[in-house]
């Protein structure tokens, strides 16, 4: 794994030790950023199932100002810290060990909103529908932002969840990417 583009291009990222996480491949990561960017002029991101931190680090490398990384696994949190340090992005990162639902509740209390939200939960424990509903209900996404959900290609996510509408959907082998945006962004409402 490596950072594909931006100010940290070419930096190698460590994977989380063991078999508890499944890192996003460079091919899929590149495809994601071609769909949503490829570069950004500021903004804040949330990498909710951080794993190695690859998606959030890529977003920082491509121009986001700040990313909050969250993962429940202690090894993942340690790996994110190492990878953020390797890329010299520590001042732009907040890294927490927490489960997704609790982390979202804390984010609501802090009054934060995001340009980009990455959701890449373990394929066997998909809670994407409820997470997307929570994001919509609490207005955690900026009006022109995007939620990137990585999931099993066997799973079908709803076309619409509240005001969030599936904007793009691509399949890469066993992996699928569904990108959601607010309806009024696409329809000019």
N, C-alpha and C. Protein backbone atom coordinates (compact mmCIF):
# COMPACT_ATOMS: atom_id res chain seq x y z
N UNK A 1 0.84 -1.18 0.00
CA UNK A 1 0.00 0.00 0.00
C UNK A 1 0.88 1.24 0.00
N UNK A 2 0.40 2.24 -0.72
CA UNK A 2 1.16 3.48 -0.80
C UNK A 2 0.19 4.64 -1.00
N UNK A 3 0.68 5.85 -0.79
CA UNK A 3 -0.09 7.04 -1.11
C UNK A 3 0.05 7.26 -2.61
N UNK A 4 -1.07 7.40 -3.30
CA UNK A 4 -1.06 7.41 -4.76
C UNK A 4 -0.74 8.78 -5.35
N UNK A 5 -1.24 9.86 -4.72
CA UNK A 5 -1.06 11.17 -5.32
C UNK A 5 -1.03 12.26 -4.24
N UNK A 6 -0.62 13.45 -4.65
CA UNK A 6 -0.60 14.59 -3.75
C UNK A 6 0.74 14.77 -3.07
N UNK A 7 0.74 15.52 -1.96
CA UNK A 7 1.99 15.89 -1.31
C UNK A 7 2.73 14.72 -0.66
N UNK A 8 2.04 13.62 -0.42
CA UNK A 8 2.67 12.43 0.18
C UNK A 8 2.85 11.30 -0.83
N UNK A 9 2.71 11.61 -2.09
CA UNK A 9 2.77 10.59 -3.15
C UNK A 9 3.98 9.68 -2.99
N UNK A 10 3.72 8.37 -3.11
CA UNK A 10 4.78 7.38 -3.08
C UNK A 10 5.14 6.86 -1.69
N UNK A 11 4.67 7.51 -0.65
CA UNK A 11 4.99 7.03 0.71
C UNK A 11 4.31 5.69 0.95
N UNK A 12 5.07 4.76 1.48
CA UNK A 12 4.54 3.43 1.80
C UNK A 12 3.77 3.47 3.10
N UNK A 13 2.64 2.76 3.12
CA UNK A 13 1.82 2.67 4.32
C UNK A 13 1.85 1.24 4.84
N UNK A 14 1.93 1.12 6.16
CA UNK A 14 1.89 -0.21 6.79
C UNK A 14 0.46 -0.71 6.83
N UNK A 15 0.32 -2.02 6.71
CA UNK A 15 -0.98 -2.65 6.89
C UNK A 15 -1.15 -2.99 8.37
N UNK A 16 -2.40 -3.14 8.79
CA UNK A 16 -2.67 -3.54 10.16
C UNK A 16 -2.23 -5.00 10.32
N UNK A 17 -1.43 -5.32 11.35
CA UNK A 17 -1.00 -6.71 11.54
C UNK A 17 -2.19 -7.64 11.77
N UNK A 18 -2.06 -8.86 11.29
CA UNK A 18 -3.12 -9.86 11.49
C UNK A 18 -4.14 -9.85 10.36
N UNK A 19 -5.22 -10.53 10.60
CA UNK A 19 -6.26 -10.70 9.57
C UNK A 19 -7.55 -9.95 9.92
N UNK A 20 -7.50 -9.06 10.90
CA UNK A 20 -8.73 -8.40 11.36
C UNK A 20 -9.21 -7.29 10.44
N UNK A 21 -8.33 -6.77 9.58
CA UNK A 21 -8.75 -5.71 8.65
C UNK A 21 -8.41 -6.10 7.22
N UNK A 22 -9.13 -5.48 6.29
CA UNK A 22 -8.94 -5.72 4.88
C UNK A 22 -8.66 -4.37 4.23
N UNK A 23 -7.39 -4.08 3.92
CA UNK A 23 -7.08 -2.75 3.38
C UNK A 23 -7.66 -2.54 1.98
N UNK A 24 -8.04 -1.30 1.71
CA UNK A 24 -8.50 -0.93 0.38
C UNK A 24 -7.30 -1.01 -0.56
N UNK A 25 -7.46 -1.73 -1.66
CA UNK A 25 -6.33 -1.87 -2.59
C UNK A 25 -6.02 -0.53 -3.25
N UNK A 26 -4.79 -0.37 -3.71
CA UNK A 26 -4.41 0.86 -4.40
C UNK A 26 -5.29 1.11 -5.61
N UNK A 27 -5.65 0.05 -6.33
CA UNK A 27 -6.50 0.19 -7.53
C UNK A 27 -7.86 0.79 -7.16
N UNK A 28 -8.47 0.26 -6.10
CA UNK A 28 -9.79 0.75 -5.67
C UNK A 28 -9.66 2.17 -5.11
N UNK A 29 -8.60 2.42 -4.34
CA UNK A 29 -8.37 3.75 -3.77
C UNK A 29 -8.23 4.79 -4.89
N UNK A 30 -7.47 4.45 -5.91
CA UNK A 30 -7.29 5.37 -7.03
C UNK A 30 -8.62 5.64 -7.73
N UNK A 31 -9.42 4.60 -7.92
CA UNK A 31 -10.73 4.75 -8.55
C UNK A 31 -11.65 5.65 -7.71
N UNK A 32 -11.63 5.46 -6.38
CA UNK A 32 -12.45 6.29 -5.50
C UNK A 32 -12.10 7.76 -5.68
N UNK A 33 -10.82 8.08 -5.64
CA UNK A 33 -10.41 9.49 -5.71
C UNK A 33 -10.61 10.07 -7.11
N UNK A 34 -10.59 9.25 -8.14
CA UNK A 34 -10.93 9.75 -9.47
C UNK A 34 -12.41 10.11 -9.55
N UNK A 35 -13.25 9.41 -8.77
CA UNK A 35 -14.68 9.70 -8.77
C UNK A 35 -15.01 10.94 -7.94
N UNK A 36 -14.34 11.14 -6.81
CA UNK A 36 -14.74 12.20 -5.89
C UNK A 36 -13.84 13.42 -5.92
N UNK A 37 -12.73 13.38 -6.58
CA UNK A 37 -11.76 14.49 -6.55
C UNK A 37 -11.36 14.92 -7.94
N UNK A 38 -10.15 14.65 -8.27
CA UNK A 38 -9.17 13.88 -7.52
C UNK A 38 -8.46 14.68 -6.44
N UNK A 39 -8.59 16.02 -6.44
CA UNK A 39 -7.93 16.85 -5.43
C UNK A 39 -8.95 17.73 -4.74
N UNK A 40 -8.57 18.27 -3.57
CA UNK A 40 -9.50 19.05 -2.76
C UNK A 40 -8.85 20.36 -2.34
N UNK A 41 -9.66 21.38 -2.17
CA UNK A 41 -9.14 22.65 -1.68
C UNK A 41 -9.69 22.88 -0.27
N UNK A 42 -9.15 22.11 0.66
CA UNK A 42 -9.55 22.23 2.05
C UNK A 42 -10.71 21.32 2.42
N UNK A 43 -11.21 21.53 3.63
CA UNK A 43 -12.32 20.73 4.12
C UNK A 43 -11.85 19.70 5.14
N UNK A 44 -12.84 19.06 5.74
CA UNK A 44 -12.57 18.09 6.80
C UNK A 44 -13.11 16.73 6.39
N UNK A 45 -12.39 15.68 6.77
CA UNK A 45 -12.81 14.33 6.44
C UNK A 45 -12.95 13.46 7.67
N UNK A 46 -13.72 12.38 7.53
CA UNK A 46 -13.91 11.39 8.58
C UNK A 46 -13.65 10.02 7.98
N UNK A 47 -12.70 9.30 8.53
CA UNK A 47 -12.39 7.93 8.12
C UNK A 47 -12.87 7.04 9.27
N UNK A 48 -14.15 6.59 9.18
CA UNK A 48 -14.83 6.01 10.33
C UNK A 48 -14.37 4.60 10.69
N UNK A 49 -13.96 3.81 9.73
CA UNK A 49 -13.39 2.49 9.99
C UNK A 49 -11.97 2.54 9.45
N UNK A 50 -11.12 3.29 10.13
CA UNK A 50 -9.83 3.71 9.61
C UNK A 50 -8.89 2.62 9.13
N UNK A 51 -8.87 1.45 9.78
CA UNK A 51 -7.95 0.40 9.37
C UNK A 51 -6.52 0.88 9.43
N UNK A 52 -5.86 0.96 8.28
CA UNK A 52 -4.49 1.47 8.21
C UNK A 52 -4.45 2.98 8.04
N UNK A 53 -5.61 3.59 7.80
CA UNK A 53 -5.68 5.03 7.57
C UNK A 53 -5.49 5.43 6.13
N UNK A 54 -5.42 4.46 5.24
CA UNK A 54 -5.10 4.74 3.84
C UNK A 54 -6.01 5.73 3.13
N UNK A 55 -7.32 5.64 3.35
CA UNK A 55 -8.25 6.55 2.66
C UNK A 55 -8.13 7.97 3.21
N UNK A 56 -8.11 8.11 4.52
CA UNK A 56 -7.98 9.44 5.11
C UNK A 56 -6.65 10.09 4.79
N UNK A 57 -5.58 9.32 4.82
CA UNK A 57 -4.25 9.85 4.48
C UNK A 57 -4.21 10.29 3.02
N UNK A 58 -4.80 9.50 2.15
CA UNK A 58 -4.86 9.88 0.73
C UNK A 58 -5.62 11.21 0.57
N UNK A 59 -6.71 11.37 1.31
CA UNK A 59 -7.50 12.61 1.23
C UNK A 59 -6.69 13.80 1.74
N UNK A 60 -5.92 13.62 2.82
CA UNK A 60 -5.05 14.69 3.31
C UNK A 60 -3.97 15.02 2.28
N UNK A 61 -3.38 14.00 1.70
CA UNK A 61 -2.34 14.20 0.70
C UNK A 61 -2.87 14.98 -0.50
N UNK A 62 -4.17 14.81 -0.79
CA UNK A 62 -4.78 15.46 -1.95
C UNK A 62 -5.47 16.78 -1.61
N UNK A 63 -5.29 17.28 -0.38
CA UNK A 63 -5.72 18.63 -0.10
C UNK A 63 -6.72 18.87 1.01
N UNK A 64 -7.28 17.84 1.64
CA UNK A 64 -8.14 18.11 2.79
C UNK A 64 -7.30 18.73 3.90
N UNK A 65 -7.93 19.58 4.71
CA UNK A 65 -7.22 20.25 5.80
C UNK A 65 -7.00 19.34 7.00
N UNK A 66 -8.01 18.50 7.30
CA UNK A 66 -8.00 17.73 8.53
C UNK A 66 -8.83 16.47 8.34
N UNK A 67 -8.41 15.38 9.00
CA UNK A 67 -9.18 14.13 8.97
C UNK A 67 -9.23 13.55 10.38
N UNK A 68 -10.43 13.09 10.76
CA UNK A 68 -10.61 12.35 12.00
C UNK A 68 -10.63 10.87 11.63
N UNK A 69 -9.74 10.10 12.24
CA UNK A 69 -9.66 8.65 12.02
C UNK A 69 -10.25 7.94 13.23
N UNK A 70 -11.11 6.96 12.99
CA UNK A 70 -11.71 6.19 14.08
C UNK A 70 -11.61 4.71 13.73
N UNK A 71 -11.19 3.90 14.69
CA UNK A 71 -11.25 2.45 14.53
C UNK A 71 -11.38 1.83 15.92
N UNK A 72 -12.07 0.71 15.99
CA UNK A 72 -12.29 0.03 17.26
C UNK A 72 -11.08 -0.83 17.66
N UNK A 73 -10.32 -1.29 16.68
CA UNK A 73 -9.20 -2.20 16.90
C UNK A 73 -7.95 -1.44 17.33
N UNK A 74 -7.35 -1.84 18.45
CA UNK A 74 -6.17 -1.16 18.97
C UNK A 74 -5.00 -1.24 17.99
N UNK A 75 -4.83 -2.37 17.31
CA UNK A 75 -3.74 -2.51 16.32
C UNK A 75 -3.96 -1.54 15.15
N UNK A 76 -5.21 -1.35 14.75
CA UNK A 76 -5.51 -0.41 13.66
C UNK A 76 -5.16 1.01 14.09
N UNK A 77 -5.54 1.39 15.29
CA UNK A 77 -5.24 2.74 15.78
C UNK A 77 -3.73 2.97 15.82
N UNK A 78 -2.97 1.98 16.28
CA UNK A 78 -1.51 2.10 16.30
C UNK A 78 -0.95 2.23 14.89
N UNK A 79 -1.50 1.48 13.95
CA UNK A 79 -1.04 1.54 12.56
C UNK A 79 -1.37 2.89 11.93
N UNK A 80 -2.56 3.41 12.19
CA UNK A 80 -2.93 4.73 11.68
C UNK A 80 -1.92 5.77 12.18
N UNK A 81 -1.61 5.73 13.48
CA UNK A 81 -0.66 6.70 14.05
C UNK A 81 0.70 6.61 13.35
N UNK A 82 1.19 5.38 13.14
CA UNK A 82 2.48 5.20 12.45
C UNK A 82 2.42 5.75 11.03
N UNK A 83 1.34 5.45 10.31
CA UNK A 83 1.23 5.89 8.92
C UNK A 83 1.07 7.41 8.82
N UNK A 84 0.32 8.01 9.72
CA UNK A 84 0.17 9.47 9.74
C UNK A 84 1.52 10.12 10.04
N UNK A 85 2.28 9.55 10.98
CA UNK A 85 3.61 10.08 11.30
C UNK A 85 4.55 9.94 10.11
N UNK A 86 4.52 8.77 9.44
CA UNK A 86 5.37 8.54 8.26
C UNK A 86 5.11 9.60 7.18
N UNK A 87 3.86 9.99 7.05
CA UNK A 87 3.49 10.99 6.02
C UNK A 87 3.59 12.43 6.54
N UNK A 88 4.04 12.58 7.79
CA UNK A 88 4.19 13.90 8.41
C UNK A 88 2.87 14.69 8.39
N UNK A 89 1.80 14.01 8.78
CA UNK A 89 0.47 14.61 8.78
C UNK A 89 -0.16 14.66 10.17
N UNK A 90 0.64 14.44 11.20
CA UNK A 90 0.12 14.34 12.56
C UNK A 90 -0.68 15.56 12.99
N UNK A 91 -0.25 16.75 12.59
CA UNK A 91 -0.95 17.97 12.98
C UNK A 91 -2.31 18.12 12.29
N UNK A 92 -2.54 17.35 11.24
CA UNK A 92 -3.81 17.43 10.51
C UNK A 92 -4.74 16.27 10.84
N UNK A 93 -4.36 15.45 11.82
CA UNK A 93 -5.13 14.24 12.11
C UNK A 93 -5.55 14.19 13.57
N UNK A 94 -6.75 13.65 13.77
CA UNK A 94 -7.22 13.25 15.10
C UNK A 94 -7.48 11.76 14.99
N UNK A 95 -6.94 10.98 15.93
CA UNK A 95 -7.04 9.52 15.85
C UNK A 95 -7.66 9.00 17.15
N UNK A 96 -8.75 8.24 17.01
CA UNK A 96 -9.47 7.75 18.18
C UNK A 96 -9.76 6.26 18.07
N UNK A 97 -9.70 5.60 19.23
CA UNK A 97 -10.15 4.21 19.33
C UNK A 97 -11.57 4.25 19.87
N UNK A 98 -12.52 3.85 19.03
CA UNK A 98 -13.92 3.89 19.40
C UNK A 98 -14.71 3.09 18.39
N UNK A 99 -15.94 2.70 18.74
CA UNK A 99 -16.77 2.06 17.72
C UNK A 99 -17.50 3.15 16.93
N UNK A 100 -17.99 2.79 15.78
CA UNK A 100 -18.54 3.77 14.84
C UNK A 100 -19.72 4.54 15.42
N UNK A 101 -20.66 3.84 16.04
CA UNK A 101 -21.86 4.50 16.54
C UNK A 101 -21.52 5.51 17.63
N UNK A 102 -20.67 5.13 18.58
CA UNK A 102 -20.28 6.05 19.65
C UNK A 102 -19.52 7.24 19.08
N UNK A 103 -18.64 6.98 18.14
CA UNK A 103 -17.86 8.06 17.53
C UNK A 103 -18.78 9.08 16.85
N UNK A 104 -19.79 8.58 16.14
CA UNK A 104 -20.73 9.50 15.48
C UNK A 104 -21.49 10.36 16.48
N UNK A 105 -21.86 9.78 17.62
CA UNK A 105 -22.56 10.55 18.66
C UNK A 105 -21.67 11.65 19.22
N UNK A 106 -20.39 11.36 19.41
CA UNK A 106 -19.44 12.37 19.88
C UNK A 106 -19.29 13.47 18.83
N UNK A 107 -19.24 13.09 17.59
CA UNK A 107 -19.10 14.06 16.49
C UNK A 107 -20.31 14.99 16.45
N UNK A 108 -21.51 14.45 16.67
CA UNK A 108 -22.72 15.28 16.72
C UNK A 108 -22.60 16.30 17.85
N UNK A 109 -22.15 15.85 19.03
CA UNK A 109 -21.99 16.76 20.17
C UNK A 109 -20.98 17.86 19.88
N UNK A 110 -19.96 17.53 19.10
CA UNK A 110 -18.93 18.53 18.75
C UNK A 110 -19.41 19.48 17.66
N UNK A 111 -20.53 19.15 17.01
CA UNK A 111 -21.08 20.02 15.96
C UNK A 111 -20.26 20.02 14.68
N UNK A 112 -19.60 18.90 14.37
CA UNK A 112 -18.74 18.83 13.19
C UNK A 112 -19.52 18.42 11.94
N UNK A 113 -19.05 18.90 10.80
CA UNK A 113 -19.58 18.49 9.49
C UNK A 113 -18.39 18.22 8.59
N UNK A 114 -18.59 17.33 7.61
CA UNK A 114 -17.47 16.84 6.82
C UNK A 114 -17.69 17.01 5.32
N UNK A 115 -16.58 17.27 4.63
CA UNK A 115 -16.55 17.29 3.17
C UNK A 115 -16.57 15.87 2.63
N UNK A 116 -15.85 14.98 3.31
CA UNK A 116 -15.75 13.58 2.91
C UNK A 116 -15.91 12.67 4.12
N UNK A 117 -16.72 11.63 3.96
CA UNK A 117 -16.86 10.61 5.00
C UNK A 117 -16.60 9.26 4.35
N UNK A 118 -15.63 8.53 4.89
CA UNK A 118 -15.31 7.18 4.40
C UNK A 118 -15.90 6.15 5.34
N UNK A 119 -16.68 5.23 4.79
CA UNK A 119 -17.26 4.12 5.56
C UNK A 119 -16.78 2.82 4.94
N UNK A 120 -15.93 2.11 5.64
CA UNK A 120 -15.39 0.85 5.15
C UNK A 120 -15.41 -0.19 6.26
N UNK A 121 -16.63 -0.56 6.71
CA UNK A 121 -16.72 -1.52 7.82
C UNK A 121 -16.37 -2.93 7.36
N UNK A 122 -16.07 -3.82 8.30
CA UNK A 122 -15.85 -5.23 7.92
C UNK A 122 -17.05 -5.74 7.13
N UNK A 123 -16.79 -6.46 6.06
CA UNK A 123 -17.87 -6.92 5.19
C UNK A 123 -18.91 -7.76 5.93
N UNK A 124 -18.46 -8.51 6.94
CA UNK A 124 -19.39 -9.39 7.67
C UNK A 124 -20.28 -8.63 8.64
N UNK A 125 -19.90 -7.41 8.98
CA UNK A 125 -20.66 -6.64 9.97
C UNK A 125 -21.21 -5.35 9.37
N UNK A 126 -21.77 -5.45 8.19
CA UNK A 126 -22.24 -4.26 7.50
C UNK A 126 -23.39 -3.58 8.23
N UNK A 127 -23.17 -2.33 8.59
CA UNK A 127 -24.20 -1.50 9.21
C UNK A 127 -24.35 -0.23 8.39
N UNK A 128 -24.02 -0.31 7.11
CA UNK A 128 -23.95 0.89 6.30
C UNK A 128 -25.27 1.64 6.22
N UNK A 129 -26.38 0.92 6.06
CA UNK A 129 -27.69 1.56 5.94
C UNK A 129 -27.96 2.44 7.18
N UNK A 130 -27.76 1.89 8.37
CA UNK A 130 -28.03 2.66 9.59
C UNK A 130 -27.02 3.80 9.77
N UNK A 131 -25.77 3.58 9.40
CA UNK A 131 -24.77 4.64 9.49
C UNK A 131 -25.10 5.79 8.54
N UNK A 132 -25.50 5.46 7.32
CA UNK A 132 -25.88 6.49 6.36
C UNK A 132 -27.10 7.26 6.84
N UNK A 133 -28.06 6.56 7.44
CA UNK A 133 -29.26 7.23 7.99
C UNK A 133 -28.86 8.20 9.09
N UNK A 134 -27.96 7.77 9.98
CA UNK A 134 -27.49 8.63 11.07
C UNK A 134 -26.80 9.88 10.53
N UNK A 135 -25.94 9.69 9.53
CA UNK A 135 -25.22 10.81 8.91
C UNK A 135 -26.21 11.81 8.33
N UNK A 136 -27.24 11.30 7.65
CA UNK A 136 -28.25 12.17 7.05
C UNK A 136 -29.07 12.88 8.13
N UNK A 137 -29.58 12.13 9.10
CA UNK A 137 -30.44 12.68 10.14
C UNK A 137 -29.76 13.79 10.94
N UNK A 138 -28.45 13.67 11.14
CA UNK A 138 -27.72 14.64 11.96
C UNK A 138 -26.93 15.66 11.14
N UNK A 139 -27.11 15.64 9.82
CA UNK A 139 -26.47 16.63 8.96
C UNK A 139 -24.96 16.67 9.08
N UNK A 140 -24.32 15.49 9.10
CA UNK A 140 -22.87 15.44 9.29
C UNK A 140 -22.09 15.70 8.01
N UNK A 141 -22.77 15.73 6.88
CA UNK A 141 -22.10 15.94 5.59
C UNK A 141 -22.33 17.37 5.12
N UNK A 142 -21.25 18.00 4.67
CA UNK A 142 -21.38 19.32 4.05
C UNK A 142 -22.29 19.20 2.82
N UNK A 143 -22.94 20.30 2.46
CA UNK A 143 -23.90 20.27 1.34
C UNK A 143 -23.30 19.74 0.04
N UNK A 144 -22.02 20.05 -0.23
CA UNK A 144 -21.39 19.60 -1.47
C UNK A 144 -20.44 18.43 -1.22
N UNK A 145 -20.56 17.78 -0.06
CA UNK A 145 -19.68 16.68 0.31
C UNK A 145 -20.13 15.34 -0.25
N UNK A 146 -19.38 14.30 0.10
CA UNK A 146 -19.67 12.95 -0.37
C UNK A 146 -19.38 11.93 0.73
N UNK A 147 -20.22 10.89 0.76
CA UNK A 147 -19.99 9.74 1.63
C UNK A 147 -19.55 8.60 0.72
N UNK A 148 -18.39 8.03 1.00
CA UNK A 148 -17.86 6.91 0.22
C UNK A 148 -18.02 5.64 1.05
N UNK A 149 -18.87 4.74 0.58
CA UNK A 149 -19.12 3.48 1.28
C UNK A 149 -18.49 2.34 0.51
N UNK A 150 -17.57 1.64 1.15
CA UNK A 150 -16.96 0.45 0.55
C UNK A 150 -17.63 -0.76 1.16
N UNK A 151 -18.08 -1.68 0.31
CA UNK A 151 -18.83 -2.83 0.80
C UNK A 151 -18.67 -4.02 -0.13
N UNK A 152 -19.19 -5.15 0.29
CA UNK A 152 -19.17 -6.35 -0.53
C UNK A 152 -19.98 -6.13 -1.79
N UNK A 153 -19.48 -6.64 -2.91
CA UNK A 153 -20.22 -6.49 -4.18
C UNK A 153 -21.54 -7.25 -4.15
N UNK A 154 -21.71 -8.15 -3.19
CA UNK A 154 -22.97 -8.90 -3.05
C UNK A 154 -24.05 -8.09 -2.35
N UNK A 155 -23.67 -6.98 -1.75
CA UNK A 155 -24.62 -6.16 -0.98
C UNK A 155 -25.18 -5.04 -1.84
N UNK A 156 -26.49 -4.85 -1.77
CA UNK A 156 -27.13 -3.74 -2.46
C UNK A 156 -27.54 -2.69 -1.45
N UNK A 157 -27.01 -1.50 -1.60
CA UNK A 157 -27.41 -0.40 -0.73
C UNK A 157 -28.54 0.37 -1.40
N UNK A 158 -29.39 0.98 -0.61
CA UNK A 158 -30.54 1.74 -1.13
C UNK A 158 -30.06 2.87 -2.04
N UNK A 159 -30.88 3.18 -3.02
CA UNK A 159 -30.57 4.30 -3.92
C UNK A 159 -30.68 5.63 -3.21
N UNK A 160 -31.55 5.68 -2.20
CA UNK A 160 -31.78 6.92 -1.46
C UNK A 160 -31.94 6.61 0.02
N UNK A 161 -31.27 7.39 0.85
CA UNK A 161 -31.39 7.28 2.30
C UNK A 161 -31.58 8.70 2.81
N UNK A 162 -32.82 9.04 3.14
CA UNK A 162 -33.14 10.42 3.52
C UNK A 162 -32.85 11.34 2.35
N UNK A 163 -32.02 12.37 2.60
CA UNK A 163 -31.63 13.28 1.51
C UNK A 163 -30.42 12.77 0.74
N UNK A 164 -29.78 11.70 1.23
CA UNK A 164 -28.61 11.15 0.55
C UNK A 164 -29.04 10.27 -0.62
N UNK A 165 -28.46 10.53 -1.77
CA UNK A 165 -28.78 9.76 -2.97
C UNK A 165 -27.50 9.11 -3.50
N UNK A 166 -27.63 7.85 -3.91
CA UNK A 166 -26.47 7.16 -4.48
C UNK A 166 -26.13 7.85 -5.79
N UNK A 167 -24.95 8.46 -5.81
CA UNK A 167 -24.50 9.27 -6.94
C UNK A 167 -23.71 8.43 -7.93
N UNK A 168 -22.86 7.55 -7.41
CA UNK A 168 -22.06 6.65 -8.25
C UNK A 168 -21.95 5.30 -7.57
N UNK A 169 -21.81 4.27 -8.38
CA UNK A 169 -21.65 2.91 -7.86
C UNK A 169 -20.77 2.15 -8.83
N UNK A 170 -19.70 1.55 -8.32
CA UNK A 170 -18.78 0.76 -9.15
C UNK A 170 -18.43 -0.52 -8.42
N UNK A 171 -18.15 -1.57 -9.20
CA UNK A 171 -17.77 -2.86 -8.63
C UNK A 171 -16.37 -3.22 -9.11
N UNK A 172 -15.54 -3.68 -8.16
CA UNK A 172 -14.17 -4.11 -8.43
C UNK A 172 -14.00 -5.49 -7.80
N UNK A 173 -14.33 -6.54 -8.52
CA UNK A 173 -14.24 -7.90 -7.98
C UNK A 173 -15.22 -8.09 -6.84
N UNK A 174 -14.71 -8.43 -5.64
CA UNK A 174 -15.59 -8.65 -4.49
C UNK A 174 -15.94 -7.34 -3.77
N UNK A 175 -15.34 -6.23 -4.21
CA UNK A 175 -15.52 -4.94 -3.57
C UNK A 175 -16.41 -4.04 -4.41
N UNK A 176 -17.32 -3.33 -3.75
CA UNK A 176 -18.15 -2.33 -4.43
C UNK A 176 -17.96 -1.00 -3.72
N UNK A 177 -18.09 0.07 -4.47
CA UNK A 177 -18.02 1.43 -3.94
C UNK A 177 -19.33 2.11 -4.28
N UNK A 178 -20.00 2.63 -3.26
CA UNK A 178 -21.21 3.44 -3.45
C UNK A 178 -20.93 4.82 -2.88
N UNK A 179 -21.16 5.84 -3.69
CA UNK A 179 -20.90 7.22 -3.26
C UNK A 179 -22.23 7.94 -3.17
N UNK A 180 -22.46 8.55 -2.02
CA UNK A 180 -23.70 9.28 -1.75
C UNK A 180 -23.43 10.77 -1.64
N UNK A 181 -24.39 11.55 -2.16
CA UNK A 181 -24.37 13.00 -2.03
C UNK A 181 -25.78 13.45 -1.71
N UNK A 182 -25.91 14.69 -1.26
CA UNK A 182 -27.25 15.22 -1.01
C UNK A 182 -27.96 15.46 -2.32
N UNK A 183 -29.27 15.25 -2.33
CA UNK A 183 -30.07 15.39 -3.55
C UNK A 183 -30.00 16.78 -4.14
N UNK A 184 -30.05 17.82 -3.31
CA UNK A 184 -30.08 19.17 -3.85
C UNK A 184 -28.79 19.56 -4.55
N UNK A 185 -27.67 18.87 -4.26
CA UNK A 185 -26.41 19.15 -4.96
C UNK A 185 -26.53 18.73 -6.41
N UNK A 186 -27.07 17.54 -6.63
CA UNK A 186 -27.14 17.00 -7.99
C UNK A 186 -28.26 17.62 -8.83
N UNK A 187 -29.35 17.99 -8.19
CA UNK A 187 -30.49 18.51 -8.94
C UNK A 187 -30.53 20.03 -8.97
N UNK A 188 -29.57 20.64 -8.31
CA UNK A 188 -29.51 22.10 -8.31
C UNK A 188 -30.64 22.74 -7.52
N UNK A 189 -31.25 22.01 -6.60
CA UNK A 189 -32.38 22.53 -5.83
C UNK A 189 -31.90 23.50 -4.77
